């Protein structure tokens, strides 16, 4: 007859080293990867992966405004040149021109959150 041991008590949390977290993030957010598939395979909660991503990229919040020099600020913008330029990670940019309506600017900035 074989003997079986039953361990009673709470399951301990796994401790993830920063290198392990980064490896999971790289795999989960690689082009064509599906986060839920990676989380199932590695037995990690999907929400934890997204939490790690927020921690790695920094939480969204206010960013400093860059003011033009006094002489530049008084010049009227050229036709077609952007008035607001939002630079995103990875070199992406969103430019908003002076002819954009307030509702369009609001919608664009909310979408960037």
PDB file of N, CA and C in Angstrom:
ATOM      1  N   UNK A   1       0.839  -1.167   0.000  1.00  0.00           N
ATOM      2  CA  UNK A   1       0.000   0.000   0.000  1.00  0.00           C
ATOM      3  C   UNK A   1       0.895   1.246   0.000  1.00  0.00           C
ATOM      4  N   UNK A   2       0.594   2.211  -0.872  1.00  0.00           N
ATOM      5  CA  UNK A   2       1.412   3.426  -0.946  1.00  0.00           C
ATOM      6  C   UNK A   2       0.928   4.472   0.061  1.00  0.00           C
ATOM      7  N   UNK A   3       1.839   5.336   0.402  1.00  0.00           N
ATOM      8  CA  UNK A   3       1.533   6.370   1.394  1.00  0.00           C
ATOM      9  C   UNK A   3       1.335   7.700   0.677  1.00  0.00           C
ATOM     10  N   UNK A   4       0.372   8.488   1.144  1.00  0.00           N
ATOM     11  CA  UNK A   4       0.079   9.774   0.530  1.00  0.00           C
ATOM     12  C   UNK A   4       0.154  10.855   1.612  1.00  0.00           C
ATOM     13  N   UNK A   5       0.759  11.962   1.277  1.00  0.00           N
ATOM     14  CA  UNK A   5       0.832  13.087   2.214  1.00  0.00           C
ATOM     15  C   UNK A   5      -0.077  14.197   1.727  1.00  0.00           C
ATOM     16  N   UNK A   6      -0.844  14.747   2.625  1.00  0.00           N
ATOM     17  CA  UNK A   6      -1.710  15.873   2.307  1.00  0.00           C
ATOM     18  C   UNK A   6      -1.205  17.064   3.110  1.00  0.00           C
ATOM     19  N   UNK A   7      -0.871  18.112   2.390  1.00  0.00           N
ATOM     20  CA  UNK A   7      -0.376  19.317   3.050  1.00  0.00           C
ATOM     21  C   UNK A   7      -1.554  20.266   3.186  1.00  0.00           C
ATOM     22  N   UNK A   8      -1.873  20.606   4.402  1.00  0.00           N
ATOM     23  CA  UNK A   8      -2.990  21.505   4.663  1.00  0.00           C
ATOM     24  C   UNK A   8      -2.440  22.902   4.930  1.00  0.00           C
ATOM     25  N   UNK A   9      -3.168  23.899   4.563  1.00  0.00           N
ATOM     26  CA  UNK A   9      -2.758  25.271   4.832  1.00  0.00           C
ATOM     27  C   UNK A   9      -2.816  26.104   3.570  1.00  0.00           C
ATOM     28  N   UNK A  10      -2.599  27.371   3.724  1.00  0.00           N
ATOM     29  CA  UNK A  10      -2.702  28.255   2.558  1.00  0.00           C
ATOM     30  C   UNK A  10      -1.569  28.032   1.570  1.00  0.00           C
ATOM     31  N   UNK A  11      -1.900  28.181   0.310  1.00  0.00           N
ATOM     32  CA  UNK A  11      -0.879  28.069  -0.734  1.00  0.00           C
ATOM     33  C   UNK A  11      -0.044  29.337  -0.705  1.00  0.00           C
ATOM     34  N   UNK A  12       1.231  29.193  -0.799  1.00  0.00           N
ATOM     35  CA  UNK A  12       2.105  30.367  -0.770  1.00  0.00           C
ATOM     36  C   UNK A  12       2.138  31.036  -2.135  1.00  0.00           C
ATOM     37  N   UNK A  13       2.316  32.323  -2.092  1.00  0.00           N
ATOM     38  CA  UNK A  13       2.447  33.070  -3.345  1.00  0.00           C
ATOM     39  C   UNK A  13       3.799  32.788  -3.978  1.00  0.00           C
ATOM     40  N   UNK A  14       3.801  32.823  -5.298  1.00  0.00           N
ATOM     41  CA  UNK A  14       5.075  32.697  -5.993  1.00  0.00           C
ATOM     42  C   UNK A  14       5.778  34.044  -5.961  1.00  0.00           C
ATOM     43  N   UNK A  15       7.064  34.002  -5.848  1.00  0.00           N
ATOM     44  CA  UNK A  15       7.876  35.224  -5.876  1.00  0.00           C
ATOM     45  C   UNK A  15       8.519  35.314  -7.255  1.00  0.00           C
ATOM     46  N   UNK A  16       8.285  36.420  -7.934  1.00  0.00           N
ATOM     47  CA  UNK A  16       8.810  36.602  -9.277  1.00  0.00           C
ATOM     48  C   UNK A  16       9.971  37.589  -9.233  1.00  0.00           C
ATOM     49  N   UNK A  17      11.097  37.183  -9.765  1.00  0.00           N
ATOM     50  CA  UNK A  17      12.243  38.085  -9.890  1.00  0.00           C
ATOM     51  C   UNK A  17      11.958  39.053 -11.042  1.00  0.00           C
ATOM     52  N   UNK A  18      12.530  40.239 -11.005  1.00  0.00           N
ATOM     53  CA  UNK A  18      12.300  41.209 -12.090  1.00  0.00           C
ATOM     54  C   UNK A  18      12.628  40.651 -13.475  1.00  0.00           C
ATOM     55  N   UNK A  19      13.679  39.823 -13.571  1.00  0.00           N
ATOM     56  CA  UNK A  19      14.034  39.249 -14.878  1.00  0.00           C
ATOM     57  C   UNK A  19      12.926  38.323 -15.380  1.00  0.00           C
ATOM     58  N   UNK A  20      12.322  37.570 -14.458  1.00  0.00           N
ATOM     59  CA  UNK A  20      11.237  36.662 -14.838  1.00  0.00           C
ATOM     60  C   UNK A  20      10.022  37.448 -15.307  1.00  0.00           C
ATOM     61  N   UNK A  21       9.713  38.526 -14.601  1.00  0.00           N
ATOM     62  CA  UNK A  21       8.570  39.360 -14.987  1.00  0.00           C
ATOM     63  C   UNK A  21       8.781  39.929 -16.383  1.00  0.00           C
ATOM     64  N   UNK A  22       9.989  40.440 -16.636  1.00  0.00           N
ATOM     65  CA  UNK A  22      10.280  41.011 -17.957  1.00  0.00           C
ATOM     66  C   UNK A  22      10.201  39.960 -19.056  1.00  0.00           C
ATOM     67  N   UNK A  23      10.633  38.742 -18.745  1.00  0.00           N
ATOM     68  CA  UNK A  23      10.551  37.665 -19.744  1.00  0.00           C
ATOM     69  C   UNK A  23       9.092  37.338 -20.052  1.00  0.00           C
ATOM     70  N   UNK A  24       8.249  37.303 -19.018  1.00  0.00           N
ATOM     71  CA  UNK A  24       6.818  37.034 -19.219  1.00  0.00           C
ATOM     72  C   UNK A  24       6.199  38.162 -20.035  1.00  0.00           C
ATOM     73  N   UNK A  25       6.533  39.417 -19.714  1.00  0.00           N
ATOM     74  CA  UNK A  25       6.001  40.561 -20.461  1.00  0.00           C
ATOM     75  C   UNK A  25       6.433  40.528 -21.920  1.00  0.00           C
ATOM     76  N   UNK A  26       7.692  40.200 -22.157  1.00  0.00           N
ATOM     77  CA  UNK A  26       8.190  40.139 -23.538  1.00  0.00           C
ATOM     78  C   UNK A  26       7.440  39.082 -24.331  1.00  0.00           C
ATOM     79  N   UNK A  27       7.172  37.953 -23.694  1.00  0.00           N
ATOM     80  CA  UNK A  27       6.450  36.873 -24.377  1.00  0.00           C
ATOM     81  C   UNK A  27       4.980  37.228 -24.570  1.00  0.00           C
ATOM     82  N   UNK A  28       4.359  37.806 -23.541  1.00  0.00           N
ATOM     83  CA  UNK A  28       2.927  38.094 -23.598  1.00  0.00           C
ATOM     84  C   UNK A  28       2.589  39.203 -24.582  1.00  0.00           C
ATOM     85  N   UNK A  29       3.498  40.179 -24.743  1.00  0.00           N
ATOM     86  CA  UNK A  29       3.207  41.319 -25.606  1.00  0.00           C
ATOM     87  C   UNK A  29       4.041  41.313 -26.884  1.00  0.00           C
ATOM     88  N   UNK A  30       4.563  40.151 -27.250  1.00  0.00           N
ATOM     89  CA  UNK A  30       5.259  40.007 -28.524  1.00  0.00           C
ATOM     90  C   UNK A  30       4.230  40.090 -29.649  1.00  0.00           C
ATOM     91  N   UNK A  31       4.640  40.524 -30.825  1.00  0.00           N
ATOM     92  CA  UNK A  31       3.694  40.586 -31.944  1.00  0.00           C
ATOM     93  C   UNK A  31       3.048  39.219 -32.191  1.00  0.00           C
ATOM     94  N   UNK A  32       1.731  39.222 -32.255  1.00  0.00           N
ATOM     95  CA  UNK A  32       0.974  37.998 -32.506  1.00  0.00           C
ATOM     96  C   UNK A  32       0.673  37.172 -31.265  1.00  0.00           C
ATOM     97  N   UNK A  33       1.215  37.534 -30.134  1.00  0.00           N
ATOM     98  CA  UNK A  33       0.980  36.774 -28.899  1.00  0.00           C
ATOM     99  C   UNK A  33      -0.385  37.135 -28.318  1.00  0.00           C
ATOM    100  N   UNK A  34      -0.955  36.185 -27.613  1.00  0.00           N
ATOM    101  CA  UNK A  34      -2.229  36.391 -26.930  1.00  0.00           C
ATOM    102  C   UNK A  34      -1.953  36.259 -25.435  1.00  0.00           C
ATOM    103  N   UNK A  35      -2.224  37.338 -24.705  1.00  0.00           N
ATOM    104  CA  UNK A  35      -1.870  37.397 -23.287  1.00  0.00           C
ATOM    105  C   UNK A  35      -2.517  36.260 -22.508  1.00  0.00           C
ATOM    106  N   UNK A  36      -3.775  35.968 -22.774  1.00  0.00           N
ATOM    107  CA  UNK A  36      -4.461  34.912 -22.018  1.00  0.00           C
ATOM    108  C   UNK A  36      -3.842  33.538 -22.277  1.00  0.00           C
ATOM    109  N   UNK A  37      -3.355  33.304 -23.496  1.00  0.00           N
ATOM    110  CA  UNK A  37      -2.692  32.026 -23.784  1.00  0.00           C
ATOM    111  C   UNK A  37      -1.384  31.907 -22.996  1.00  0.00           C
ATOM    112  N   UNK A  38      -0.623  32.993 -22.960  1.00  0.00           N
ATOM    113  CA  UNK A  38       0.642  32.991 -22.219  1.00  0.00           C
ATOM    114  C   UNK A  38       0.364  32.809 -20.732  1.00  0.00           C
ATOM    115  N   UNK A  39      -0.658  33.493 -20.217  1.00  0.00           N
ATOM    116  CA  UNK A  39      -0.957  33.392 -18.785  1.00  0.00           C
ATOM    117  C   UNK A  39      -1.385  31.976 -18.407  1.00  0.00           C
ATOM    118  N   UNK A  40      -2.168  31.336 -19.261  1.00  0.00           N
ATOM    119  CA  UNK A  40      -2.584  29.946 -18.976  1.00  0.00           C
ATOM    120  C   UNK A  40      -1.389  28.995 -18.987  1.00  0.00           C
ATOM    121  N   UNK A  41      -0.536  29.159 -19.983  1.00  0.00           N
ATOM    122  CA  UNK A  41       0.612  28.260 -20.110  1.00  0.00           C
ATOM    123  C   UNK A  41       1.579  28.417 -18.940  1.00  0.00           C
ATOM    124  N   UNK A  42       1.769  29.643 -18.474  1.00  0.00           N
ATOM    125  CA  UNK A  42       2.713  29.892 -17.381  1.00  0.00           C
ATOM    126  C   UNK A  42       2.046  29.867 -16.007  1.00  0.00           C
ATOM    127  N   UNK A  43       0.730  29.664 -16.006  1.00  0.00           N
ATOM    128  CA  UNK A  43      -0.043  29.616 -14.761  1.00  0.00           C
ATOM    129  C   UNK A  43       0.110  30.920 -13.970  1.00  0.00           C
ATOM    130  N   UNK A  44      -0.110  32.040 -14.682  1.00  0.00           N
ATOM    131  CA  UNK A  44      -0.061  33.374 -14.103  1.00  0.00           C
ATOM    132  C   UNK A  44      -1.386  34.050 -14.425  1.00  0.00           C
ATOM    133  N   UNK A  45      -1.963  34.749 -13.478  1.00  0.00           N
ATOM    134  CA  UNK A  45      -3.213  35.462 -13.737  1.00  0.00           C
ATOM    135  C   UNK A  45      -2.990  36.531 -14.797  1.00  0.00           C
ATOM    136  N   UNK A  46      -3.927  36.634 -15.712  1.00  0.00           N
ATOM    137  CA  UNK A  46      -3.838  37.630 -16.772  1.00  0.00           C
ATOM    138  C   UNK A  46      -3.744  39.034 -16.182  1.00  0.00           C
ATOM    139  N   UNK A  47      -4.522  39.283 -15.135  1.00  0.00           N
ATOM    140  CA  UNK A  47      -4.502  40.613 -14.518  1.00  0.00           C
ATOM    141  C   UNK A  47      -3.130  40.940 -13.941  1.00  0.00           C
ATOM    142  N   UNK A  48      -2.412  39.933 -13.476  1.00  0.00           N
ATOM    143  CA  UNK A  48      -1.080  40.149 -12.929  1.00  0.00           C
ATOM    144  C   UNK A  48      -0.109  40.577 -14.031  1.00  0.00           C
ATOM    145  N   UNK A  49      -0.256  39.988 -15.201  1.00  0.00           N
ATOM    146  CA  UNK A  49       0.597  40.367 -16.337  1.00  0.00           C
ATOM    147  C   UNK A  49       0.358  41.831 -16.701  1.00  0.00           C
ATOM    148  N   UNK A  50      -0.920  42.234 -16.746  1.00  0.00           N
ATOM    149  CA  UNK A  50      -1.219  43.633 -17.055  1.00  0.00           C
ATOM    150  C   UNK A  50      -0.722  44.564 -15.940  1.00  0.00           C
ATOM    151  N   UNK A  51      -0.801  44.123 -14.700  1.00  0.00           N
ATOM    152  CA  UNK A  51      -0.278  44.915 -13.584  1.00  0.00           C
ATOM    153  C   UNK A  51       1.233  45.101 -13.727  1.00  0.00           C
ATOM    154  N   UNK A  52       1.944  44.041 -14.085  1.00  0.00           N
ATOM    155  CA  UNK A  52       3.384  44.138 -14.296  1.00  0.00           C
ATOM    156  C   UNK A  52       3.701  45.115 -15.418  1.00  0.00           C
ATOM    157  N   UNK A  53       2.886  45.100 -16.476  1.00  0.00           N
ATOM    158  CA  UNK A  53       3.121  46.016 -17.595  1.00  0.00           C
ATOM    159  C   UNK A  53       2.953  47.466 -17.147  1.00  0.00           C
ATOM    160  N   UNK A  54       1.898  47.731 -16.349  1.00  0.00           N
ATOM    161  CA  UNK A  54       1.709  49.082 -15.829  1.00  0.00           C
ATOM    162  C   UNK A  54       2.891  49.505 -14.961  1.00  0.00           C
ATOM    163  N   UNK A  55       3.382  48.590 -14.151  1.00  0.00           N
ATOM    164  CA  UNK A  55       4.526  48.902 -13.289  1.00  0.00           C
ATOM    165  C   UNK A  55       5.781  49.147 -14.120  1.00  0.00           C
ATOM    166  N   UNK A  56       5.953  48.388 -15.181  1.00  0.00           N
ATOM    167  CA  UNK A  56       7.153  48.509 -16.009  1.00  0.00           C
ATOM    168  C   UNK A  56       7.149  49.792 -16.837  1.00  0.00           C
ATOM    169  N   UNK A  57       5.975  50.189 -17.298  1.00  0.00           N
ATOM    170  CA  UNK A  57       5.899  51.375 -18.152  1.00  0.00           C
ATOM    171  C   UNK A  57       5.610  52.631 -17.366  1.00  0.00           C
ATOM    172  N   UNK A  58       5.252  52.491 -16.109  1.00  0.00           N
ATOM    173  CA  UNK A  58       4.882  53.653 -15.303  1.00  0.00           C
ATOM    174  C   UNK A  58       3.410  53.941 -15.484  1.00  0.00           C
ATOM    175  N   UNK A  59       2.783  54.329 -14.442  1.00  0.00           N
ATOM    176  CA  UNK A  59       1.348  54.599 -14.538  1.00  0.00           C
ATOM    177  C   UNK A  59       1.120  55.879 -15.322  1.00  0.00           C
ATOM    178  N   UNK A  60       0.047  55.892 -16.113  1.00  0.00           N
ATOM    179  CA  UNK A  60      -0.217  57.108 -16.878  1.00  0.00           C
ATOM    180  C   UNK A  60      -0.586  58.239 -15.930  1.00  0.00           C
ATOM    181  N   UNK A  61      -0.184  59.392 -16.235  1.00  0.00           N
ATOM    182  CA  UNK A  61      -0.485  60.539 -15.391  1.00  0.00           C
ATOM    183  C   UNK A  61      -0.161  61.810 -16.146  1.00  0.00           C
ATOM    184  N   UNK A  62       0.080  62.841 -15.422  1.00  0.00           N
ATOM    185  CA  UNK A  62       0.390  64.107 -16.058  1.00  0.00           C
ATOM    186  C   UNK A  62       1.818  64.077 -16.592  1.00  0.00           C
ATOM    187  N   UNK A  63       1.994  64.710 -17.711  1.00  0.00           N
ATOM    188  CA  UNK A  63       3.322  64.844 -18.287  1.00  0.00           C
ATOM    189  C   UNK A  63       3.639  66.328 -18.357  1.00  0.00           C
ATOM    190  N   UNK A  64       4.892  66.690 -18.267  1.00  0.00           N
ATOM    191  CA  UNK A  64       5.213  68.115 -18.292  1.00  0.00           C
ATOM    192  C   UNK A  64       4.935  68.722 -19.666  1.00  0.00           C
ATOM    193  N   UNK A  65       4.431  69.929 -19.643  1.00  0.00           N
ATOM    194  CA  UNK A  65       4.216  70.664 -20.888  1.00  0.00           C
ATOM    195  C   UNK A  65       5.515  71.367 -21.246  1.00  0.00           C
ATOM    196  N   UNK A  66       5.842  71.368 -22.517  1.00  0.00           N
ATOM    197  CA  UNK A  66       7.042  72.051 -22.981  1.00  0.00           C
ATOM    198  C   UNK A  66       6.589  73.372 -23.568  1.00  0.00           C
ATOM    199  N   UNK A  67       7.034  74.444 -22.963  1.00  0.00           N
ATOM    200  CA  UNK A  67       6.631  75.772 -23.419  1.00  0.00           C
ATOM    201  C   UNK A  67       7.637  76.315 -24.416  1.00  0.00           C
ATOM    202  N   UNK A  68       7.110  76.983 -25.420  1.00  0.00           N
ATOM    203  CA  UNK A  68       7.975  77.612 -26.412  1.00  0.00           C
ATOM    204  C   UNK A  68       8.581  78.865 -25.808  1.00  0.00           C
ATOM    205  N   UNK A  69       9.685  79.274 -26.348  1.00  0.00           N
ATOM    206  CA  UNK A  69      10.300  80.535 -25.907  1.00  0.00           C
ATOM    207  C   UNK A  69       9.310  81.667 -26.150  1.00  0.00           C
ATOM    208  N   UNK A  70       9.469  82.738 -25.420  1.00  0.00           N
ATOM    209  CA  UNK A  70       8.513  83.839 -25.485  1.00  0.00           C
ATOM    210  C   UNK A  70       8.337  84.368 -26.903  1.00  0.00           C
ATOM    211  N   UNK A  71       9.424  84.502 -27.645  1.00  0.00           N
ATOM    212  CA  UNK A  71       9.334  84.991 -29.020  1.00  0.00           C
ATOM    213  C   UNK A  71       8.581  84.023 -29.918  1.00  0.00           C
ATOM    214  N   UNK A  72       8.780  82.728 -29.718  1.00  0.00           N
ATOM    215  CA  UNK A  72       8.105  81.716 -30.534  1.00  0.00           C
ATOM    216  C   UNK A  72       6.629  81.649 -30.218  1.00  0.00           C
ATOM    217  N   UNK A  73       6.261  81.853 -28.972  1.00  0.00           N
ATOM    218  CA  UNK A  73       4.870  81.715 -28.554  1.00  0.00           C
ATOM    219  C   UNK A  73       3.992  82.794 -29.159  1.00  0.00           C
ATOM    220  N   UNK A  74       4.558  83.934 -29.472  1.00  0.00           N
ATOM    221  CA  UNK A  74       3.758  85.037 -30.002  1.00  0.00           C
ATOM    222  C   UNK A  74       3.498  84.896 -31.492  1.00  0.00           C
ATOM    223  N   UNK A  75       4.288  84.105 -32.155  1.00  0.00           N
ATOM    224  CA  UNK A  75       4.083  83.901 -33.591  1.00  0.00           C
ATOM    225  C   UNK A  75       2.846  83.052 -33.819  1.00  0.00           C
ATOM    226  N   UNK A  76       2.065  83.400 -34.785  1.00  0.00           N
ATOM    227  CA  UNK A  76       0.886  82.597 -35.121  1.00  0.00           C
ATOM    228  C   UNK A  76       1.357  81.325 -35.811  1.00  0.00           C
ATOM    229  N   UNK A  77       0.699  80.187 -35.526  1.00  0.00           N
ATOM    230  CA  UNK A  77       1.111  78.956 -36.188  1.00  0.00           C
ATOM    231  C   UNK A  77       0.845  79.016 -37.680  1.00  0.00           C
ATOM    232  N   UNK A  78       1.724  78.410 -38.434  1.00  0.00           N
ATOM    233  CA  UNK A  78       1.553  78.357 -39.880  1.00  0.00           C
ATOM    234  C   UNK A  78       0.362  77.487 -40.227  1.00  0.00           C
ATOM    235  N   UNK A  79      -0.245  77.749 -41.345  1.00  0.00           N
ATOM    236  CA  UNK A  79      -1.378  76.953 -41.782  1.00  0.00           C
ATOM    237  C   UNK A  79      -0.948  75.505 -41.965  1.00  0.00           C
ATOM    238  N   UNK A  80      -1.660  74.593 -41.344  1.00  0.00           N
ATOM    239  CA  UNK A  80      -1.367  73.173 -41.481  1.00  0.00           C
ATOM    240  C   UNK A  80      -0.349  72.642 -40.493  1.00  0.00           C
ATOM    241  N   UNK A  81       0.335  73.515 -39.745  1.00  0.00           N
ATOM    242  CA  UNK A  81       1.297  73.001 -38.770  1.00  0.00           C
ATOM    243  C   UNK A  81       0.567  72.677 -37.470  1.00  0.00           C
ATOM    244  N   UNK A  82       1.002  71.626 -36.776  1.00  0.00           N
ATOM    245  CA  UNK A  82       0.300  71.220 -35.553  1.00  0.00           C
ATOM    246  C   UNK A  82       0.499  72.215 -34.420  1.00  0.00           C
ATOM    247  N   UNK A  83      -0.531  72.341 -33.602  1.00  0.00           N
ATOM    248  CA  UNK A  83      -0.462  73.200 -32.430  1.00  0.00           C
ATOM    249  C   UNK A  83      -0.084  72.365 -31.220  1.00  0.00           C
ATOM    250  N   UNK A  84      -0.622  71.144 -31.144  1.00  0.00           N
ATOM    251  CA  UNK A  84      -0.316  70.216 -30.058  1.00  0.00           C
ATOM    252  C   UNK A  84       0.301  68.968 -30.667  1.00  0.00           C
ATOM    253  N   UNK A  85       1.435  68.535 -30.130  1.00  0.00           N
ATOM    254  CA  UNK A  85       2.071  67.302 -30.570  1.00  0.00           C
ATOM    255  C   UNK A  85       2.276  66.434 -29.333  1.00  0.00           C
ATOM    256  N   UNK A  86       1.690  65.236 -29.345  1.00  0.00           N
ATOM    257  CA  UNK A  86       1.832  64.297 -28.243  1.00  0.00           C
ATOM    258  C   UNK A  86       2.736  63.177 -28.722  1.00  0.00           C
ATOM    259  N   UNK A  87       3.877  63.001 -28.046  1.00  0.00           N
ATOM    260  CA  UNK A  87       4.814  61.950 -28.419  1.00  0.00           C
ATOM    261  C   UNK A  87       4.573  60.732 -27.543  1.00  0.00           C
ATOM    262  N   UNK A  88       4.362  59.588 -28.174  1.00  0.00           N
ATOM    263  CA  UNK A  88       4.100  58.337 -27.479  1.00  0.00           C
ATOM    264  C   UNK A  88       5.331  57.461 -27.537  1.00  0.00           C
ATOM    265  N   UNK A  89       5.340  56.404 -26.736  1.00  0.00           N
ATOM    266  CA  UNK A  89       6.452  55.459 -26.763  1.00  0.00           C
ATOM    267  C   UNK A  89       6.588  54.821 -28.130  1.00  0.00           C
ATOM    268  N   UNK A  90       7.775  54.425 -28.476  1.00  0.00           N
ATOM    269  CA  UNK A  90       8.017  53.756 -29.747  1.00  0.00           C
ATOM    270  C   UNK A  90       8.099  54.706 -30.917  1.00  0.00           C
ATOM    271  N   UNK A  91       8.213  56.005 -30.655  1.00  0.00           N
ATOM    272  CA  UNK A  91       8.350  56.967 -31.732  1.00  0.00           C
ATOM    273  C   UNK A  91       7.049  57.411 -32.360  1.00  0.00           C
ATOM    274  N   UNK A  92       5.912  56.933 -31.864  1.00  0.00           N
ATOM    275  CA  UNK A  92       4.618  57.343 -32.414  1.00  0.00           C
ATOM    276  C   UNK A  92       4.307  58.764 -31.977  1.00  0.00           C
ATOM    277  N   UNK A  93       3.587  59.497 -32.811  1.00  0.00           N
ATOM    278  CA  UNK A  93       3.222  60.887 -32.538  1.00  0.00           C
ATOM    279  C   UNK A  93       1.785  61.143 -32.937  1.00  0.00           C
ATOM    280  N   UNK A  94       1.118  61.962 -32.149  1.00  0.00           N
ATOM    281  CA  UNK A  94      -0.216  62.445 -32.511  1.00  0.00           C
ATOM    282  C   UNK A  94      -0.117  63.952 -32.584  1.00  0.00           C
ATOM    283  N   UNK A  95      -0.499  64.510 -33.735  1.00  0.00           N
ATOM    284  CA  UNK A  95      -0.450  65.957 -33.933  1.00  0.00           C
ATOM    285  C   UNK A  95      -1.867  66.483 -34.066  1.00  0.00           C
ATOM    286  N   UNK A  96      -2.149  67.593 -33.381  1.00  0.00           N
ATOM    287  CA  UNK A  96      -3.483  68.193 -33.424  1.00  0.00           C
ATOM    288  C   UNK A  96      -3.316  69.612 -33.953  1.00  0.00           C
ATOM    289  N   UNK A  97      -4.013  69.918 -35.036  1.00  0.00           N
ATOM    290  CA  UNK A  97      -3.906  71.218 -35.673  1.00  0.00           C
ATOM    291  C   UNK A  97      -4.825  72.247 -35.055  1.00  0.00           C
ATOM    292  N   UNK A  98      -4.605  73.513 -35.426  1.00  0.00           N
ATOM    293  CA  UNK A  98      -5.383  74.609 -34.860  1.00  0.00           C
ATOM    294  C   UNK A  98      -6.836  74.591 -35.334  1.00  0.00           C
ATOM    295  N   UNK A  99      -7.126  73.931 -36.426  1.00  0.00           N
ATOM    296  CA  UNK A  99      -8.496  73.902 -36.931  1.00  0.00           C
ATOM    297  C   UNK A  99      -9.325  72.767 -36.324  1.00  0.00           C
ATOM    298  N   UNK A 100      -8.722  71.939 -35.467  1.00  0.00           N
ATOM    299  CA  UNK A 100      -9.450  70.822 -34.852  1.00  0.00           C
ATOM    300  C   UNK A 100     -10.482  71.356 -33.857  1.00  0.00           C
ATOM    301  N   UNK A 101     -11.661  70.751 -33.875  1.00  0.00           N
ATOM    302  CA  UNK A 101     -12.712  71.174 -32.947  1.00  0.00           C
ATOM    303  C   UNK A 101     -12.374  70.710 -31.527  1.00  0.00           C
ATOM    304  N   UNK A 102     -12.968  71.359 -30.557  1.00  0.00           N
ATOM    305  CA  UNK A 102     -12.725  71.004 -29.150  1.00  0.00           C
ATOM    306  C   UNK A 102     -13.163  69.570 -28.866  1.00  0.00           C
ATOM    307  N   UNK A 103     -14.257  69.130 -29.472  1.00  0.00           N
ATOM    308  CA  UNK A 103     -14.731  67.762 -29.229  1.00  0.00           C
ATOM    309  C   UNK A 103     -13.766  66.734 -29.829  1.00  0.00           C
ATOM    310  N   UNK A 104     -13.175  67.044 -30.967  1.00  0.00           N
ATOM    311  CA  UNK A 104     -12.203  66.135 -31.584  1.00  0.00           C
ATOM    312  C   UNK A 104     -10.930  66.056 -30.733  1.00  0.00           C
ATOM    313  N   UNK A 105     -10.459  67.196 -30.238  1.00  0.00           N
ATOM    314  CA  UNK A 105      -9.269  67.214 -29.383  1.00  0.00           C
ATOM    315  C   UNK A 105      -9.532  66.430 -28.104  1.00  0.00           C
ATOM    316  N   UNK A 106     -10.693  66.640 -27.490  1.00  0.00           N
ATOM    317  CA  UNK A 106     -11.063  65.922 -26.271  1.00  0.00           C
ATOM    318  C   UNK A 106     -11.102  64.423 -26.517  1.00  0.00           C
ATOM    319  N   UNK A 107     -11.740  64.003 -27.605  1.00  0.00           N
ATOM    320  CA  UNK A 107     -11.839  62.570 -27.918  1.00  0.00           C
ATOM    321  C   UNK A 107     -10.468  61.960 -28.172  1.00  0.00           C
ATOM    322  N   UNK A 108      -9.601  62.683 -28.883  1.00  0.00           N
ATOM    323  CA  UNK A 108      -8.263  62.167 -29.184  1.00  0.00           C
ATOM    324  C   UNK A 108      -7.440  62.005 -27.912  1.00  0.00           C
ATOM    325  N   UNK A 109      -7.492  63.005 -27.037  1.00  0.00           N
ATOM    326  CA  UNK A 109      -6.713  62.920 -25.806  1.00  0.00           C
ATOM    327  C   UNK A 109      -7.257  61.862 -24.849  1.00  0.00           C
ATOM    328  N   UNK A 110      -8.566  61.670 -24.818  1.00  0.00           N
ATOM    329  CA  UNK A 110      -9.148  60.601 -23.981  1.00  0.00           C
ATOM    330  C   UNK A 110      -8.738  59.234 -24.515  1.00  0.00           C
ATOM    331  N   UNK A 111      -8.654  59.093 -25.819  1.00  0.00           N
ATOM    332  CA  UNK A 111      -8.268  57.807 -26.410  1.00  0.00           C
ATOM    333  C   UNK A 111      -6.815  57.454 -26.098  1.00  0.00           C
ATOM    334  N   UNK A 112      -5.994  58.452 -25.827  1.00  0.00           N
ATOM    335  CA  UNK A 112      -4.591  58.214 -25.531  1.00  0.00           C
ATOM    336  C   UNK A 112      -4.355  57.743 -24.099  1.00  0.00           C
ATOM    337  N   UNK A 113      -5.355  57.862 -23.239  1.00  0.00           N
ATOM    338  CA  UNK A 113      -5.181  57.474 -21.836  1.00  0.00           C
ATOM    339  C   UNK A 113      -4.723  56.083 -21.697  1.00  0.00           C
TER     340      UNK A 113
END
